[in-house]
N, C-alpha and C. Protein backbone atom coordinates (compact mmCIF):
# COMPACT_ATOMS: atom_id res chain seq x y z
N UNK A 1 -74.26 -2.35 28.18
CA UNK A 1 -73.06 -3.12 28.43
C UNK A 1 -72.53 -2.80 29.81
N UNK A 2 -71.95 -3.77 30.35
CA UNK A 2 -71.38 -3.65 31.69
C UNK A 2 -70.07 -2.88 31.62
N UNK A 3 -69.81 -2.01 32.57
CA UNK A 3 -68.60 -1.18 32.61
C UNK A 3 -67.33 -2.03 32.67
N UNK A 4 -67.33 -3.12 33.41
CA UNK A 4 -66.13 -3.97 33.50
C UNK A 4 -65.83 -4.63 32.16
N UNK A 5 -66.87 -4.98 31.41
CA UNK A 5 -66.65 -5.58 30.09
C UNK A 5 -66.01 -4.56 29.15
N UNK A 6 -66.44 -3.32 29.20
CA UNK A 6 -65.86 -2.25 28.38
C UNK A 6 -64.40 -2.02 28.76
N UNK A 7 -64.11 -2.01 30.03
CA UNK A 7 -62.73 -1.84 30.51
C UNK A 7 -61.85 -2.99 30.03
N UNK A 8 -62.35 -4.20 30.09
CA UNK A 8 -61.60 -5.38 29.64
C UNK A 8 -61.33 -5.30 28.13
N UNK A 9 -62.33 -4.88 27.37
CA UNK A 9 -62.16 -4.75 25.92
C UNK A 9 -61.13 -3.66 25.60
N UNK A 10 -61.19 -2.54 26.28
CA UNK A 10 -60.24 -1.44 26.07
C UNK A 10 -58.82 -1.90 26.42
N UNK A 11 -58.67 -2.60 27.53
CA UNK A 11 -57.34 -3.11 27.93
C UNK A 11 -56.83 -4.11 26.90
N UNK A 12 -57.70 -4.98 26.40
CA UNK A 12 -57.30 -5.95 25.39
C UNK A 12 -56.85 -5.26 24.10
N UNK A 13 -57.59 -4.24 23.69
CA UNK A 13 -57.22 -3.50 22.48
C UNK A 13 -55.88 -2.80 22.68
N UNK A 14 -55.68 -2.19 23.84
CA UNK A 14 -54.41 -1.52 24.13
C UNK A 14 -53.26 -2.52 24.11
N UNK A 15 -53.46 -3.70 24.69
CA UNK A 15 -52.41 -4.73 24.69
C UNK A 15 -52.09 -5.20 23.28
N UNK A 16 -53.12 -5.40 22.46
CA UNK A 16 -52.89 -5.82 21.07
C UNK A 16 -52.10 -4.75 20.32
N UNK A 17 -52.47 -3.49 20.50
CA UNK A 17 -51.75 -2.38 19.84
C UNK A 17 -50.30 -2.35 20.30
N UNK A 18 -50.04 -2.52 21.58
CA UNK A 18 -48.68 -2.52 22.12
C UNK A 18 -47.88 -3.71 21.53
N UNK A 19 -48.47 -4.90 21.51
CA UNK A 19 -47.79 -6.07 20.98
C UNK A 19 -47.47 -5.88 19.50
N UNK A 20 -48.42 -5.38 18.73
CA UNK A 20 -48.19 -5.13 17.30
C UNK A 20 -47.09 -4.08 17.13
N UNK A 21 -47.09 -3.04 17.93
CA UNK A 21 -46.05 -2.01 17.85
C UNK A 21 -44.67 -2.57 18.17
N UNK A 22 -44.58 -3.37 19.21
CA UNK A 22 -43.30 -3.97 19.58
C UNK A 22 -42.84 -4.91 18.47
N UNK A 23 -43.72 -5.75 17.98
CA UNK A 23 -43.37 -6.70 16.92
C UNK A 23 -42.88 -5.96 15.67
N UNK A 24 -43.61 -4.94 15.25
CA UNK A 24 -43.21 -4.18 14.06
C UNK A 24 -41.87 -3.48 14.26
N UNK A 25 -41.62 -2.97 15.45
CA UNK A 25 -40.34 -2.35 15.75
C UNK A 25 -39.19 -3.35 15.67
N UNK A 26 -39.41 -4.54 16.18
CA UNK A 26 -38.38 -5.58 16.11
C UNK A 26 -38.12 -6.00 14.66
N UNK A 27 -39.18 -6.12 13.88
CA UNK A 27 -39.02 -6.47 12.46
C UNK A 27 -38.21 -5.39 11.74
N UNK A 28 -38.52 -4.13 12.01
CA UNK A 28 -37.78 -3.04 11.37
C UNK A 28 -36.30 -3.09 11.74
N UNK A 29 -36.01 -3.33 13.00
CA UNK A 29 -34.60 -3.40 13.42
C UNK A 29 -33.89 -4.58 12.77
N UNK A 30 -34.57 -5.72 12.70
CA UNK A 30 -33.96 -6.90 12.06
C UNK A 30 -33.69 -6.62 10.59
N UNK A 31 -34.60 -5.96 9.91
CA UNK A 31 -34.40 -5.62 8.51
C UNK A 31 -33.24 -4.64 8.33
N UNK A 32 -33.09 -3.72 9.27
CA UNK A 32 -31.94 -2.79 9.21
C UNK A 32 -30.62 -3.53 9.35
N UNK A 33 -30.60 -4.55 10.21
CA UNK A 33 -29.39 -5.36 10.37
C UNK A 33 -29.09 -6.08 9.06
N UNK A 34 -30.11 -6.67 8.45
CA UNK A 34 -29.91 -7.38 7.18
C UNK A 34 -29.42 -6.43 6.09
N UNK A 35 -29.99 -5.24 6.04
CA UNK A 35 -29.58 -4.26 5.05
C UNK A 35 -28.13 -3.82 5.28
N UNK A 36 -27.77 -3.58 6.53
CA UNK A 36 -26.41 -3.17 6.85
C UNK A 36 -25.41 -4.27 6.48
N UNK A 37 -25.78 -5.53 6.73
CA UNK A 37 -24.88 -6.63 6.37
C UNK A 37 -24.73 -6.74 4.85
N UNK A 38 -25.82 -6.50 4.13
CA UNK A 38 -25.72 -6.57 2.67
C UNK A 38 -24.80 -5.47 2.14
N UNK A 39 -24.75 -4.32 2.82
CA UNK A 39 -23.82 -3.27 2.41
C UNK A 39 -22.37 -3.70 2.60
N UNK A 40 -22.09 -4.43 3.67
CA UNK A 40 -20.74 -4.98 3.86
C UNK A 40 -20.44 -5.94 2.73
N UNK A 41 -21.39 -6.80 2.41
CA UNK A 41 -21.17 -7.80 1.35
C UNK A 41 -20.90 -7.13 0.00
N UNK A 42 -21.58 -6.03 -0.29
CA UNK A 42 -21.34 -5.31 -1.54
C UNK A 42 -19.89 -4.83 -1.59
N UNK A 43 -19.42 -4.23 -0.50
CA UNK A 43 -18.05 -3.72 -0.47
C UNK A 43 -17.02 -4.85 -0.52
N UNK A 44 -17.31 -5.95 0.18
CA UNK A 44 -16.39 -7.08 0.15
C UNK A 44 -16.32 -7.69 -1.25
N UNK A 45 -17.45 -7.77 -1.92
CA UNK A 45 -17.46 -8.29 -3.30
C UNK A 45 -16.61 -7.40 -4.19
N UNK A 46 -16.75 -6.10 -4.02
CA UNK A 46 -15.94 -5.16 -4.81
C UNK A 46 -14.45 -5.41 -4.55
N UNK A 47 -14.10 -5.60 -3.29
CA UNK A 47 -12.69 -5.88 -2.96
C UNK A 47 -12.25 -7.19 -3.57
N UNK A 48 -13.09 -8.21 -3.45
CA UNK A 48 -12.75 -9.52 -4.01
C UNK A 48 -12.57 -9.44 -5.52
N UNK A 49 -13.34 -8.59 -6.18
CA UNK A 49 -13.21 -8.43 -7.63
C UNK A 49 -11.95 -7.66 -8.03
N UNK A 50 -11.51 -6.74 -7.18
CA UNK A 50 -10.30 -5.96 -7.49
C UNK A 50 -9.01 -6.75 -7.29
N UNK A 51 -9.01 -7.68 -6.36
CA UNK A 51 -7.77 -8.38 -6.00
C UNK A 51 -7.17 -9.16 -7.17
N UNK A 52 -7.93 -9.95 -7.93
CA UNK A 52 -7.29 -10.65 -9.06
C UNK A 52 -6.65 -9.69 -10.06
N UNK A 53 -7.28 -8.52 -10.29
CA UNK A 53 -6.69 -7.53 -11.19
C UNK A 53 -5.36 -7.02 -10.65
N UNK A 54 -5.30 -6.78 -9.35
CA UNK A 54 -4.05 -6.31 -8.74
C UNK A 54 -2.98 -7.40 -8.83
N UNK A 55 -3.35 -8.62 -8.52
CA UNK A 55 -2.39 -9.73 -8.58
C UNK A 55 -1.85 -9.87 -10.00
N UNK A 56 -2.73 -9.80 -10.99
CA UNK A 56 -2.28 -9.91 -12.39
C UNK A 56 -1.39 -8.74 -12.79
N UNK A 57 -1.69 -7.55 -12.28
CA UNK A 57 -0.90 -6.36 -12.62
C UNK A 57 0.51 -6.44 -12.07
N UNK A 58 0.69 -7.05 -10.91
CA UNK A 58 2.03 -7.09 -10.30
C UNK A 58 2.76 -8.40 -10.58
N UNK A 59 2.07 -9.39 -11.11
CA UNK A 59 2.65 -10.72 -11.30
C UNK A 59 3.92 -10.68 -12.15
N UNK A 60 3.92 -9.93 -13.23
CA UNK A 60 5.08 -9.88 -14.11
C UNK A 60 6.30 -9.28 -13.45
N UNK A 61 6.10 -8.34 -12.55
CA UNK A 61 7.21 -7.67 -11.88
C UNK A 61 7.75 -8.48 -10.71
N UNK A 62 6.87 -9.30 -10.13
CA UNK A 62 7.22 -9.96 -8.88
C UNK A 62 7.31 -11.48 -9.06
N UNK A 63 8.00 -11.91 -10.09
CA UNK A 63 8.08 -13.34 -10.38
C UNK A 63 8.62 -14.15 -9.21
N UNK A 64 9.61 -13.63 -8.52
CA UNK A 64 10.21 -14.40 -7.44
C UNK A 64 9.49 -14.19 -6.11
N UNK A 65 8.49 -13.36 -6.08
CA UNK A 65 7.69 -13.14 -4.87
C UNK A 65 6.38 -13.94 -4.96
N UNK A 66 6.46 -15.11 -5.55
CA UNK A 66 5.27 -15.91 -5.83
C UNK A 66 4.51 -16.27 -4.56
N UNK A 67 5.19 -16.47 -3.44
CA UNK A 67 4.51 -16.83 -2.20
C UNK A 67 3.52 -15.76 -1.76
N UNK A 68 3.90 -14.51 -1.89
CA UNK A 68 3.00 -13.40 -1.51
C UNK A 68 1.75 -13.43 -2.39
N UNK A 69 1.94 -13.61 -3.68
CA UNK A 69 0.80 -13.64 -4.60
C UNK A 69 -0.10 -14.85 -4.32
N UNK A 70 0.53 -15.99 -4.03
CA UNK A 70 -0.25 -17.19 -3.70
C UNK A 70 -1.02 -16.99 -2.41
N UNK A 71 -0.38 -16.38 -1.42
CA UNK A 71 -1.06 -16.11 -0.14
C UNK A 71 -2.28 -15.20 -0.34
N UNK A 72 -2.13 -14.17 -1.15
CA UNK A 72 -3.24 -13.26 -1.41
C UNK A 72 -4.37 -13.99 -2.12
N UNK A 73 -4.02 -14.78 -3.12
CA UNK A 73 -5.03 -15.54 -3.87
C UNK A 73 -5.76 -16.53 -2.97
N UNK A 74 -5.02 -17.23 -2.13
CA UNK A 74 -5.65 -18.20 -1.22
C UNK A 74 -6.51 -17.50 -0.17
N UNK A 75 -6.04 -16.39 0.35
CA UNK A 75 -6.82 -15.65 1.35
C UNK A 75 -8.10 -15.09 0.73
N UNK A 76 -8.02 -14.65 -0.52
CA UNK A 76 -9.21 -14.17 -1.21
C UNK A 76 -10.22 -15.30 -1.38
N UNK A 77 -9.74 -16.47 -1.80
CA UNK A 77 -10.64 -17.62 -1.97
C UNK A 77 -11.30 -18.00 -0.64
N UNK A 78 -10.53 -17.97 0.43
CA UNK A 78 -11.08 -18.30 1.76
C UNK A 78 -12.11 -17.26 2.18
N UNK A 79 -11.85 -15.99 1.88
CA UNK A 79 -12.79 -14.93 2.25
C UNK A 79 -14.09 -15.06 1.47
N UNK A 80 -13.99 -15.38 0.20
CA UNK A 80 -15.20 -15.57 -0.62
C UNK A 80 -16.00 -16.74 -0.07
N UNK A 81 -15.32 -17.84 0.26
CA UNK A 81 -16.00 -19.03 0.78
C UNK A 81 -16.63 -18.77 2.15
N UNK A 82 -16.02 -17.91 2.94
CA UNK A 82 -16.52 -17.65 4.29
C UNK A 82 -17.79 -16.80 4.29
N UNK A 83 -18.13 -16.23 3.16
CA UNK A 83 -19.29 -15.35 3.07
C UNK A 83 -20.59 -15.99 3.52
N UNK A 84 -20.70 -17.28 3.38
CA UNK A 84 -21.96 -17.96 3.75
C UNK A 84 -21.91 -18.54 5.16
N UNK A 85 -20.83 -18.31 5.88
CA UNK A 85 -20.66 -18.93 7.19
C UNK A 85 -21.03 -18.03 8.37
N UNK A 86 -21.48 -16.83 8.08
CA UNK A 86 -21.87 -15.92 9.16
C UNK A 86 -20.85 -14.83 9.39
N UNK A 87 -21.25 -13.78 10.08
CA UNK A 87 -20.38 -12.62 10.27
C UNK A 87 -19.06 -12.92 10.97
N UNK A 88 -19.06 -13.77 11.98
CA UNK A 88 -17.82 -14.01 12.73
C UNK A 88 -16.77 -14.70 11.84
N UNK A 89 -17.18 -15.73 11.13
CA UNK A 89 -16.25 -16.45 10.26
C UNK A 89 -15.83 -15.58 9.08
N UNK A 90 -16.78 -14.83 8.55
CA UNK A 90 -16.46 -13.96 7.42
C UNK A 90 -15.48 -12.87 7.86
N UNK A 91 -15.70 -12.31 9.03
CA UNK A 91 -14.79 -11.28 9.53
C UNK A 91 -13.38 -11.83 9.71
N UNK A 92 -13.27 -13.04 10.24
CA UNK A 92 -11.94 -13.65 10.42
C UNK A 92 -11.24 -13.85 9.08
N UNK A 93 -11.98 -14.35 8.09
CA UNK A 93 -11.39 -14.57 6.77
C UNK A 93 -11.01 -13.24 6.11
N UNK A 94 -11.84 -12.23 6.26
CA UNK A 94 -11.54 -10.92 5.69
C UNK A 94 -10.33 -10.28 6.38
N UNK A 95 -10.20 -10.50 7.67
CA UNK A 95 -9.03 -9.97 8.39
C UNK A 95 -7.75 -10.65 7.90
N UNK A 96 -7.83 -11.95 7.62
CA UNK A 96 -6.66 -12.66 7.07
C UNK A 96 -6.32 -12.11 5.69
N UNK A 97 -7.34 -11.84 4.89
CA UNK A 97 -7.12 -11.27 3.56
C UNK A 97 -6.48 -9.89 3.67
N UNK A 98 -6.93 -9.09 4.61
CA UNK A 98 -6.35 -7.76 4.82
C UNK A 98 -4.86 -7.88 5.15
N UNK A 99 -4.52 -8.86 5.97
CA UNK A 99 -3.11 -9.08 6.32
C UNK A 99 -2.27 -9.45 5.11
N UNK A 100 -2.80 -10.31 4.24
CA UNK A 100 -2.02 -10.68 3.06
C UNK A 100 -1.91 -9.52 2.09
N UNK A 101 -2.95 -8.68 2.01
CA UNK A 101 -2.85 -7.49 1.15
C UNK A 101 -1.80 -6.53 1.67
N UNK A 102 -1.70 -6.40 2.99
CA UNK A 102 -0.65 -5.55 3.56
C UNK A 102 0.73 -6.07 3.17
N UNK A 103 0.89 -7.39 3.20
CA UNK A 103 2.16 -7.98 2.78
C UNK A 103 2.45 -7.67 1.32
N UNK A 104 1.43 -7.78 0.49
CA UNK A 104 1.60 -7.48 -0.93
C UNK A 104 2.00 -6.02 -1.13
N UNK A 105 1.31 -5.10 -0.44
CA UNK A 105 1.64 -3.69 -0.59
C UNK A 105 3.04 -3.39 -0.07
N UNK A 106 3.46 -4.09 0.98
CA UNK A 106 4.82 -3.90 1.49
C UNK A 106 5.85 -4.35 0.46
N UNK A 107 5.59 -5.46 -0.22
CA UNK A 107 6.50 -5.95 -1.25
C UNK A 107 6.51 -5.01 -2.44
N UNK A 108 5.34 -4.48 -2.82
CA UNK A 108 5.25 -3.55 -3.95
C UNK A 108 6.15 -2.34 -3.70
N UNK A 109 6.26 -1.91 -2.44
CA UNK A 109 7.11 -0.76 -2.11
C UNK A 109 8.57 -1.00 -2.49
N UNK A 110 8.98 -2.26 -2.58
CA UNK A 110 10.37 -2.58 -2.92
C UNK A 110 10.64 -2.54 -4.43
N UNK A 111 9.62 -2.29 -5.24
CA UNK A 111 9.75 -2.30 -6.69
C UNK A 111 9.39 -0.92 -7.24
N UNK A 112 10.39 -0.09 -7.52
CA UNK A 112 10.11 1.27 -8.01
C UNK A 112 9.27 1.27 -9.29
N UNK A 113 9.51 0.30 -10.18
CA UNK A 113 8.75 0.27 -11.43
C UNK A 113 7.27 -0.05 -11.17
N UNK A 114 7.00 -0.80 -10.11
CA UNK A 114 5.61 -1.09 -9.74
C UNK A 114 4.95 0.13 -9.12
N UNK A 115 5.70 0.82 -8.27
CA UNK A 115 5.16 2.01 -7.61
C UNK A 115 4.80 3.08 -8.63
N UNK A 116 5.47 3.06 -9.80
CA UNK A 116 5.22 4.05 -10.83
C UNK A 116 4.18 3.58 -11.86
N UNK A 117 3.80 2.33 -11.82
CA UNK A 117 2.85 1.77 -12.79
C UNK A 117 1.45 2.33 -12.53
N UNK A 118 0.87 2.99 -13.53
CA UNK A 118 -0.44 3.63 -13.38
C UNK A 118 -1.53 2.62 -13.03
N UNK A 119 -1.50 1.45 -13.64
CA UNK A 119 -2.52 0.43 -13.37
C UNK A 119 -2.45 -0.03 -11.92
N UNK A 120 -1.25 -0.28 -11.43
CA UNK A 120 -1.07 -0.72 -10.05
C UNK A 120 -1.49 0.38 -9.09
N UNK A 121 -1.10 1.62 -9.38
CA UNK A 121 -1.48 2.75 -8.52
C UNK A 121 -3.00 2.91 -8.48
N UNK A 122 -3.64 2.78 -9.62
CA UNK A 122 -5.10 2.90 -9.69
C UNK A 122 -5.77 1.79 -8.88
N UNK A 123 -5.29 0.56 -9.04
CA UNK A 123 -5.87 -0.55 -8.29
C UNK A 123 -5.64 -0.40 -6.79
N UNK A 124 -4.45 0.08 -6.40
CA UNK A 124 -4.18 0.31 -4.98
C UNK A 124 -5.12 1.38 -4.43
N UNK A 125 -5.34 2.44 -5.19
CA UNK A 125 -6.25 3.50 -4.75
C UNK A 125 -7.68 2.98 -4.62
N UNK A 126 -8.10 2.19 -5.59
CA UNK A 126 -9.45 1.61 -5.53
C UNK A 126 -9.60 0.69 -4.32
N UNK A 127 -8.56 -0.10 -4.05
CA UNK A 127 -8.61 -0.99 -2.89
C UNK A 127 -8.62 -0.19 -1.59
N UNK A 128 -7.85 0.87 -1.53
CA UNK A 128 -7.84 1.71 -0.33
C UNK A 128 -9.20 2.34 -0.10
N UNK A 129 -9.80 2.84 -1.16
CA UNK A 129 -11.15 3.42 -1.05
C UNK A 129 -12.15 2.36 -0.60
N UNK A 130 -12.04 1.18 -1.17
CA UNK A 130 -12.95 0.09 -0.79
C UNK A 130 -12.73 -0.31 0.65
N UNK A 131 -11.49 -0.35 1.11
CA UNK A 131 -11.20 -0.68 2.51
C UNK A 131 -11.87 0.33 3.44
N UNK A 132 -11.83 1.61 3.07
CA UNK A 132 -12.49 2.64 3.88
C UNK A 132 -14.00 2.44 3.90
N UNK A 133 -14.56 2.08 2.76
CA UNK A 133 -15.99 1.83 2.70
C UNK A 133 -16.38 0.59 3.50
N UNK A 134 -15.52 -0.41 3.48
CA UNK A 134 -15.77 -1.62 4.28
C UNK A 134 -15.75 -1.25 5.77
N UNK A 135 -14.80 -0.43 6.16
CA UNK A 135 -14.71 -0.01 7.56
C UNK A 135 -15.96 0.74 7.98
N UNK A 136 -16.42 1.67 7.14
CA UNK A 136 -17.64 2.41 7.45
C UNK A 136 -18.84 1.46 7.52
N UNK A 137 -18.92 0.53 6.57
CA UNK A 137 -20.04 -0.42 6.55
C UNK A 137 -20.02 -1.31 7.78
N UNK A 138 -18.83 -1.71 8.23
CA UNK A 138 -18.72 -2.51 9.46
C UNK A 138 -19.23 -1.73 10.67
N UNK A 139 -18.82 -0.47 10.75
CA UNK A 139 -19.27 0.36 11.88
C UNK A 139 -20.79 0.50 11.87
N UNK A 140 -21.35 0.75 10.70
CA UNK A 140 -22.80 0.90 10.58
C UNK A 140 -23.50 -0.41 10.94
N UNK A 141 -22.99 -1.51 10.43
CA UNK A 141 -23.58 -2.82 10.73
C UNK A 141 -23.53 -3.11 12.24
N UNK A 142 -22.37 -2.91 12.83
CA UNK A 142 -22.23 -3.20 14.26
C UNK A 142 -23.11 -2.30 15.12
N UNK A 143 -23.27 -1.04 14.73
CA UNK A 143 -24.18 -0.16 15.47
C UNK A 143 -25.63 -0.64 15.33
N UNK A 144 -25.98 -1.09 14.14
CA UNK A 144 -27.32 -1.61 13.91
C UNK A 144 -27.55 -2.89 14.69
N UNK A 145 -26.55 -3.76 14.73
CA UNK A 145 -26.66 -5.00 15.52
C UNK A 145 -26.78 -4.68 17.00
N UNK A 146 -26.00 -3.72 17.47
CA UNK A 146 -26.09 -3.32 18.87
C UNK A 146 -27.51 -2.85 19.22
N UNK A 147 -28.06 -2.00 18.37
CA UNK A 147 -29.43 -1.51 18.61
C UNK A 147 -30.44 -2.66 18.59
N UNK A 148 -30.30 -3.55 17.63
CA UNK A 148 -31.22 -4.69 17.52
C UNK A 148 -31.09 -5.61 18.73
N UNK A 149 -29.85 -5.98 19.08
CA UNK A 149 -29.64 -6.86 20.22
C UNK A 149 -30.14 -6.24 21.52
N UNK A 150 -29.94 -4.93 21.66
CA UNK A 150 -30.46 -4.22 22.84
C UNK A 150 -31.98 -4.28 22.86
N UNK A 151 -32.58 -4.09 21.71
CA UNK A 151 -34.05 -4.06 21.67
C UNK A 151 -34.66 -5.42 22.00
N UNK A 152 -34.00 -6.51 21.62
CA UNK A 152 -34.59 -7.83 21.94
C UNK A 152 -34.27 -8.27 23.36
N UNK A 153 -33.33 -7.57 24.02
CA UNK A 153 -32.93 -7.96 25.37
C UNK A 153 -33.55 -7.08 26.46
N UNK A 154 -34.27 -6.04 26.06
CA UNK A 154 -34.84 -5.12 27.05
C UNK A 154 -36.34 -5.33 27.19
N UNK A 155 -36.81 -4.99 28.37
CA UNK A 155 -38.23 -5.14 28.69
C UNK A 155 -39.00 -4.00 28.03
N UNK A 156 -40.13 -4.21 27.49
CA UNK A 156 -40.97 -5.40 27.40
C UNK A 156 -40.71 -6.24 26.15
N UNK A 157 -39.80 -5.76 25.26
CA UNK A 157 -39.54 -6.46 24.01
C UNK A 157 -39.09 -7.90 24.21
N UNK A 158 -38.32 -8.14 25.26
CA UNK A 158 -37.81 -9.49 25.48
C UNK A 158 -38.93 -10.50 25.71
N UNK A 159 -40.09 -10.04 26.13
CA UNK A 159 -41.23 -10.94 26.31
C UNK A 159 -41.76 -11.47 24.98
N UNK A 160 -41.54 -10.71 23.93
CA UNK A 160 -42.04 -11.10 22.61
C UNK A 160 -40.95 -11.59 21.68
N UNK A 161 -39.72 -11.15 21.89
CA UNK A 161 -38.63 -11.47 20.97
C UNK A 161 -38.42 -12.97 20.82
N UNK A 162 -38.28 -13.68 21.92
CA UNK A 162 -38.06 -15.12 21.86
C UNK A 162 -39.19 -15.89 21.20
N UNK A 163 -40.42 -15.71 21.67
CA UNK A 163 -41.54 -16.44 21.05
C UNK A 163 -41.73 -16.14 19.56
N UNK A 164 -41.38 -14.95 19.12
CA UNK A 164 -41.53 -14.61 17.71
C UNK A 164 -40.27 -14.88 16.88
N UNK A 165 -39.26 -15.49 17.47
CA UNK A 165 -38.08 -15.92 16.73
C UNK A 165 -37.02 -14.86 16.50
N UNK A 166 -37.01 -13.80 17.27
CA UNK A 166 -35.98 -12.79 17.14
C UNK A 166 -34.78 -13.22 17.98
N UNK A 167 -33.67 -13.51 17.33
CA UNK A 167 -32.49 -13.99 18.03
C UNK A 167 -31.34 -12.99 17.89
N UNK A 168 -30.42 -13.08 18.81
CA UNK A 168 -29.26 -12.19 18.85
C UNK A 168 -28.43 -12.35 17.58
N UNK A 169 -27.91 -11.26 17.07
CA UNK A 169 -27.06 -11.26 15.88
C UNK A 169 -25.61 -11.07 16.30
N UNK A 170 -24.70 -11.58 15.48
CA UNK A 170 -23.27 -11.46 15.74
C UNK A 170 -22.74 -10.15 15.16
N UNK A 171 -21.74 -9.61 15.84
CA UNK A 171 -21.05 -8.44 15.32
C UNK A 171 -20.07 -8.86 14.24
N UNK A 172 -19.74 -7.94 13.36
CA UNK A 172 -18.72 -8.17 12.33
C UNK A 172 -17.45 -7.56 12.88
N UNK A 173 -16.68 -8.38 13.58
CA UNK A 173 -15.51 -7.89 14.31
C UNK A 173 -14.38 -7.56 13.36
N UNK A 174 -13.76 -6.44 13.64
CA UNK A 174 -12.59 -6.02 12.88
C UNK A 174 -11.37 -6.76 13.40
N UNK A 175 -10.32 -6.58 12.69
CA UNK A 175 -9.05 -7.20 13.06
C UNK A 175 -8.62 -6.71 14.43
N UNK A 176 -8.11 -7.61 15.27
CA UNK A 176 -7.63 -7.17 16.58
C UNK A 176 -6.53 -6.12 16.42
N UNK A 177 -6.62 -5.07 17.19
CA UNK A 177 -5.65 -3.98 17.09
C UNK A 177 -4.23 -4.41 17.41
N UNK A 178 -4.07 -5.35 18.30
CA UNK A 178 -2.73 -5.79 18.68
C UNK A 178 -1.95 -6.32 17.49
N UNK A 179 -2.65 -6.89 16.51
CA UNK A 179 -1.98 -7.43 15.34
C UNK A 179 -1.41 -6.33 14.46
N UNK A 180 -1.94 -5.11 14.55
CA UNK A 180 -1.50 -4.01 13.71
C UNK A 180 -0.37 -3.20 14.31
N UNK A 181 -0.11 -3.36 15.58
CA UNK A 181 0.86 -2.52 16.27
C UNK A 181 2.25 -3.12 16.11
N UNK A 182 3.15 -2.37 15.49
CA UNK A 182 4.51 -2.89 15.35
C UNK A 182 5.22 -2.92 16.69
N UNK A 183 6.12 -3.85 16.82
CA UNK A 183 6.90 -3.98 18.04
C UNK A 183 8.19 -3.18 17.85
N UNK A 184 8.36 -2.15 18.64
CA UNK A 184 9.53 -1.27 18.51
C UNK A 184 10.41 -1.48 19.75
N UNK A 185 11.68 -1.73 19.49
CA UNK A 185 12.62 -1.92 20.58
C UNK A 185 13.71 -0.83 20.45
N UNK A 186 13.73 0.10 21.38
CA UNK A 186 14.68 1.20 21.33
C UNK A 186 15.83 1.02 22.33
N UNK A 187 15.98 -0.18 22.83
CA UNK A 187 17.05 -0.41 23.79
C UNK A 187 18.41 -0.39 23.10
N UNK A 188 19.42 -0.03 23.83
CA UNK A 188 20.78 0.07 23.29
C UNK A 188 21.62 -1.13 23.69
N UNK A 189 21.09 -2.27 23.55
CA UNK A 189 21.86 -3.44 23.99
C UNK A 189 22.88 -3.89 23.01
């Protein structure tokens, strides 16, 4: 055999091995993103399942606070519906739901008998725990998306990512911090 033919075959084999390695690495990263998103969905489902129980537990005490309960119920329905619309839309709906839950918890603080109710306290604790798990899952998902998006945008992976259908994924954005910061005015006017 001719030496140049052997060199060409060796180079071709090396290129095939490199392409297969890059492709498999991209597939693994994409699967990690999918797995991380499914963990968010598990936690969101748990939260969605807890909310009707909380609303029912406080409904009898808060008869005249019906708007808050309606807002929570509507926000929950919107969040459940947004689940199939992608991370950006789902994050927006979940952030709206978080806001209505904060309103509900603020109203609960005005009812001493509710604050002492074991069922309400248990549901609030479960929701708080779930919120923490959602936050952790979001962080994990966003880190995984960052790694995946970086891998499809860097050389030499970018040469294969597009042709093999690897596309950029969206982050699951948390609520804007500005919405959480209370406005304090200490002026003596």
